[in-house]
């Protein structure tokens, strides 16, 4: 159980869960066994290594390219008309 909980608390979702649920879980344990279970979780939360810093999301150039392509396709008939009127 310790190994699994330490692994869980090494990631952001597990840490976020325990940060939110800790007080409720520790305060509402109905039996000695449940209290000990939550104590072990709390100990492992404290021992688990902090997750690495979040990396910034990679930009997606395909969105820009797709938007540009749509713009060119929509504007090309207008440009052709303008060019035809000049002649």
N, C-alpha and C. Protein backbone atom coordinates (compact mmCIF):
# COMPACT_ATOMS: atom_id res chain seq x y z
N UNK A 1 0.82 -1.18 0.00
CA UNK A 1 0.00 0.00 0.00
C UNK A 1 0.88 1.26 0.00
N UNK A 2 1.97 1.21 0.73
CA UNK A 2 2.85 2.38 0.79
C UNK A 2 3.44 2.69 -0.59
N UNK A 3 3.87 1.66 -1.28
CA UNK A 3 4.48 1.89 -2.60
C UNK A 3 3.48 2.47 -3.58
N UNK A 4 2.27 1.96 -3.55
CA UNK A 4 1.23 2.45 -4.47
C UNK A 4 0.86 3.89 -4.13
N UNK A 5 0.70 4.18 -2.83
CA UNK A 5 0.32 5.54 -2.46
C UNK A 5 1.44 6.54 -2.75
N UNK A 6 2.69 6.13 -2.55
CA UNK A 6 3.80 7.03 -2.86
C UNK A 6 3.83 7.32 -4.36
N UNK A 7 3.60 6.29 -5.14
CA UNK A 7 3.54 6.48 -6.60
C UNK A 7 2.40 7.43 -6.97
N UNK A 8 1.25 7.23 -6.34
CA UNK A 8 0.09 8.09 -6.62
C UNK A 8 0.39 9.54 -6.26
N UNK A 9 1.05 9.77 -5.13
CA UNK A 9 1.32 11.12 -4.68
C UNK A 9 2.51 11.76 -5.38
N UNK A 10 3.18 11.02 -6.24
CA UNK A 10 4.28 11.58 -7.02
C UNK A 10 3.79 12.36 -8.23
N UNK A 11 2.51 12.20 -8.56
CA UNK A 11 1.93 12.90 -9.70
C UNK A 11 1.00 14.01 -9.25
N UNK A 12 0.74 14.92 -10.15
CA UNK A 12 -0.12 16.06 -9.83
C UNK A 12 -1.55 15.68 -9.44
N UNK A 13 -2.21 14.76 -10.15
CA UNK A 13 -3.58 14.42 -9.77
C UNK A 13 -3.69 13.84 -8.36
N UNK A 14 -2.77 12.95 -7.99
CA UNK A 14 -2.80 12.35 -6.66
C UNK A 14 -2.55 13.37 -5.56
N UNK A 15 -1.61 14.26 -5.80
CA UNK A 15 -1.32 15.30 -4.81
C UNK A 15 -2.50 16.25 -4.67
N UNK A 16 -3.10 16.62 -5.80
CA UNK A 16 -4.26 17.52 -5.75
C UNK A 16 -5.41 16.87 -4.99
N UNK A 17 -5.63 15.57 -5.23
CA UNK A 17 -6.68 14.85 -4.52
C UNK A 17 -6.46 14.90 -3.01
N UNK A 18 -5.24 14.56 -2.57
CA UNK A 18 -4.99 14.48 -1.13
C UNK A 18 -5.04 15.87 -0.49
N UNK A 19 -4.59 16.88 -1.20
CA UNK A 19 -4.67 18.24 -0.66
C UNK A 19 -6.12 18.65 -0.40
N UNK A 20 -7.02 18.23 -1.28
CA UNK A 20 -8.44 18.55 -1.12
C UNK A 20 -9.13 17.64 -0.09
N UNK A 21 -8.79 16.37 -0.10
CA UNK A 21 -9.52 15.38 0.71
C UNK A 21 -8.92 15.12 2.08
N UNK A 22 -7.71 15.55 2.30
CA UNK A 22 -6.99 15.18 3.52
C UNK A 22 -7.77 15.50 4.80
N UNK A 23 -8.18 16.71 4.97
CA UNK A 23 -8.86 17.11 6.21
C UNK A 23 -10.13 16.30 6.45
N UNK A 24 -10.91 16.12 5.40
CA UNK A 24 -12.16 15.35 5.54
C UNK A 24 -11.86 13.90 5.88
N UNK A 25 -10.93 13.30 5.14
CA UNK A 25 -10.59 11.89 5.37
C UNK A 25 -10.04 11.66 6.76
N UNK A 26 -9.14 12.54 7.19
CA UNK A 26 -8.52 12.36 8.51
C UNK A 26 -9.54 12.59 9.63
N UNK A 27 -10.47 13.48 9.40
CA UNK A 27 -11.43 13.82 10.45
C UNK A 27 -12.64 12.92 10.53
N UNK A 28 -12.92 12.17 9.49
CA UNK A 28 -14.15 11.36 9.49
C UNK A 28 -13.89 9.86 9.51
N UNK A 29 -12.66 9.45 9.75
CA UNK A 29 -12.36 8.01 9.82
C UNK A 29 -13.16 7.40 10.97
N UNK A 30 -13.98 6.40 10.65
CA UNK A 30 -14.89 5.84 11.64
C UNK A 30 -14.31 4.78 12.55
N UNK A 31 -13.20 4.22 12.20
CA UNK A 31 -12.63 3.15 13.03
C UNK A 31 -11.12 3.35 13.16
N UNK A 32 -10.55 2.61 14.07
CA UNK A 32 -9.10 2.69 14.28
C UNK A 32 -8.37 2.26 13.00
N UNK A 33 -8.90 1.27 12.35
CA UNK A 33 -8.30 0.76 11.11
C UNK A 33 -8.34 1.83 10.02
N UNK A 34 -9.49 2.51 9.89
CA UNK A 34 -9.62 3.58 8.89
C UNK A 34 -8.69 4.75 9.22
N UNK A 35 -8.58 5.10 10.50
CA UNK A 35 -7.67 6.17 10.90
C UNK A 35 -6.23 5.83 10.52
N UNK A 36 -5.84 4.59 10.79
CA UNK A 36 -4.47 4.17 10.46
C UNK A 36 -4.24 4.20 8.95
N UNK A 37 -5.23 3.78 8.20
CA UNK A 37 -5.14 3.81 6.74
C UNK A 37 -4.86 5.23 6.26
N UNK A 38 -5.62 6.19 6.77
CA UNK A 38 -5.44 7.57 6.35
C UNK A 38 -4.13 8.16 6.88
N UNK A 39 -3.68 7.72 8.03
CA UNK A 39 -2.39 8.17 8.54
C UNK A 39 -1.26 7.71 7.62
N UNK A 40 -1.35 6.46 7.17
CA UNK A 40 -0.34 5.93 6.24
C UNK A 40 -0.35 6.74 4.95
N UNK A 41 -1.54 7.02 4.43
CA UNK A 41 -1.62 7.84 3.21
C UNK A 41 -0.97 9.20 3.44
N UNK A 42 -1.24 9.81 4.59
CA UNK A 42 -0.68 11.12 4.88
C UNK A 42 0.84 11.06 5.01
N UNK A 43 1.35 10.00 5.63
CA UNK A 43 2.80 9.84 5.74
C UNK A 43 3.44 9.73 4.35
N UNK A 44 2.83 8.93 3.51
CA UNK A 44 3.38 8.73 2.16
C UNK A 44 3.26 9.99 1.31
N UNK A 45 2.23 10.77 1.53
CA UNK A 45 2.10 12.05 0.84
C UNK A 45 3.30 12.93 1.18
N UNK A 46 3.67 12.94 2.45
CA UNK A 46 4.81 13.74 2.88
C UNK A 46 6.14 13.23 2.36
N UNK A 47 6.24 11.92 2.13
CA UNK A 47 7.50 11.32 1.67
C UNK A 47 7.64 11.29 0.14
N UNK A 48 6.54 11.39 -0.55
CA UNK A 48 6.58 11.27 -2.01
C UNK A 48 7.32 12.45 -2.62
N UNK A 49 8.12 12.18 -3.64
CA UNK A 49 8.82 13.30 -4.29
C UNK A 49 7.82 14.19 -5.02
N UNK A 50 8.12 15.47 -5.01
CA UNK A 50 7.23 16.42 -5.70
C UNK A 50 7.31 16.15 -7.20
N UNK A 51 6.20 16.32 -7.90
CA UNK A 51 6.22 16.11 -9.35
C UNK A 51 7.10 17.16 -10.04
N UNK A 52 7.64 16.82 -11.20
CA UNK A 52 8.48 17.79 -11.91
C UNK A 52 7.64 18.99 -12.34
N UNK A 53 8.29 20.13 -12.56
CA UNK A 53 7.52 21.30 -12.99
C UNK A 53 6.84 21.05 -14.33
N UNK A 54 5.71 21.68 -14.49
CA UNK A 54 4.94 21.49 -15.71
C UNK A 54 5.67 22.15 -16.88
N UNK A 55 5.72 21.44 -17.99
CA UNK A 55 6.34 21.99 -19.19
C UNK A 55 5.29 22.80 -19.94
N UNK A 56 5.71 23.89 -20.56
CA UNK A 56 4.73 24.65 -21.35
C UNK A 56 4.28 23.81 -22.54
N UNK A 57 3.05 23.98 -22.89
CA UNK A 57 2.51 23.22 -24.03
C UNK A 57 3.16 23.68 -25.32
N UNK A 58 3.39 22.71 -26.17
CA UNK A 58 3.97 23.02 -27.48
C UNK A 58 2.92 23.72 -28.34
N UNK A 59 3.38 24.70 -29.05
CA UNK A 59 2.46 25.40 -29.96
C UNK A 59 2.15 24.49 -31.13
N UNK A 60 1.00 24.65 -31.65
CA UNK A 60 0.59 23.80 -32.77
C UNK A 60 0.54 24.65 -34.05
N UNK A 61 1.59 24.60 -34.83
CA UNK A 61 1.63 25.46 -36.02
C UNK A 61 0.59 25.07 -37.06
N UNK A 62 0.07 23.85 -36.99
CA UNK A 62 -0.90 23.44 -37.99
C UNK A 62 -2.17 24.28 -37.89
N UNK A 63 -2.50 24.77 -36.72
CA UNK A 63 -3.69 25.63 -36.59
C UNK A 63 -3.49 26.92 -37.38
N UNK A 64 -2.32 27.49 -37.24
CA UNK A 64 -2.01 28.72 -37.98
C UNK A 64 -2.03 28.46 -39.48
N UNK A 65 -1.42 27.34 -39.87
CA UNK A 65 -1.37 27.01 -41.30
C UNK A 65 -2.76 26.74 -41.86
N UNK A 66 -3.58 26.03 -41.10
CA UNK A 66 -4.94 25.74 -41.56
C UNK A 66 -5.75 27.03 -41.67
N UNK A 67 -5.62 27.92 -40.70
CA UNK A 67 -6.32 29.20 -40.76
C UNK A 67 -5.87 30.04 -41.94
N UNK A 68 -4.57 30.02 -42.21
CA UNK A 68 -4.05 30.76 -43.35
C UNK A 68 -4.57 30.19 -44.66
N UNK A 69 -4.60 28.88 -44.77
CA UNK A 69 -5.09 28.24 -45.99
C UNK A 69 -6.56 28.57 -46.23
N UNK A 70 -7.37 28.54 -45.19
CA UNK A 70 -8.78 28.88 -45.33
C UNK A 70 -8.92 30.34 -45.75
N UNK A 71 -8.12 31.22 -45.15
CA UNK A 71 -8.17 32.63 -45.52
C UNK A 71 -7.83 32.85 -46.97
N UNK A 72 -6.79 32.18 -47.45
CA UNK A 72 -6.40 32.31 -48.86
C UNK A 72 -7.51 31.81 -49.77
N UNK A 73 -8.10 30.69 -49.43
CA UNK A 73 -9.17 30.14 -50.26
C UNK A 73 -10.39 31.06 -50.31
N UNK A 74 -10.70 31.69 -49.19
CA UNK A 74 -11.84 32.59 -49.16
C UNK A 74 -11.57 33.92 -49.86
N UNK A 75 -10.35 34.40 -49.80
CA UNK A 75 -10.02 35.70 -50.39
C UNK A 75 -9.62 35.62 -51.86
N UNK A 76 -9.25 34.46 -52.33
CA UNK A 76 -8.78 34.35 -53.72
C UNK A 76 -9.83 34.79 -54.75
N UNK A 77 -11.12 34.48 -54.62
CA UNK A 77 -12.08 34.99 -55.61
C UNK A 77 -12.16 36.53 -55.61
N UNK A 78 -12.04 37.14 -54.45
CA UNK A 78 -12.09 38.60 -54.38
C UNK A 78 -10.87 39.22 -55.04
N UNK A 79 -9.72 38.62 -54.83
CA UNK A 79 -8.48 39.13 -55.44
C UNK A 79 -8.55 38.97 -56.96
N UNK A 80 -9.07 37.86 -57.42
CA UNK A 80 -9.20 37.64 -58.88
C UNK A 80 -10.10 38.69 -59.52
N UNK A 81 -11.23 38.99 -58.89
CA UNK A 81 -12.15 40.00 -59.40
C UNK A 81 -11.49 41.37 -59.46
N UNK A 82 -10.77 41.70 -58.42
CA UNK A 82 -10.10 43.00 -58.38
C UNK A 82 -9.05 43.08 -59.47
N UNK A 83 -8.33 42.00 -59.69
CA UNK A 83 -7.31 41.99 -60.72
C UNK A 83 -7.95 42.06 -62.10
N UNK A 84 -9.09 41.41 -62.31
CA UNK A 84 -9.77 41.41 -63.60
C UNK A 84 -10.32 42.81 -63.91
N UNK A 85 -10.76 43.54 -62.93
CA UNK A 85 -11.30 44.90 -63.14
C UNK A 85 -10.21 45.88 -63.51
N UNK A 86 -9.00 45.63 -63.07
CA UNK A 86 -7.89 46.54 -63.39
C UNK A 86 -7.49 46.47 -64.85
N UNK A 87 -7.71 45.37 -65.49
CA UNK A 87 -7.27 45.17 -66.89
C UNK A 87 -8.16 45.84 -67.84
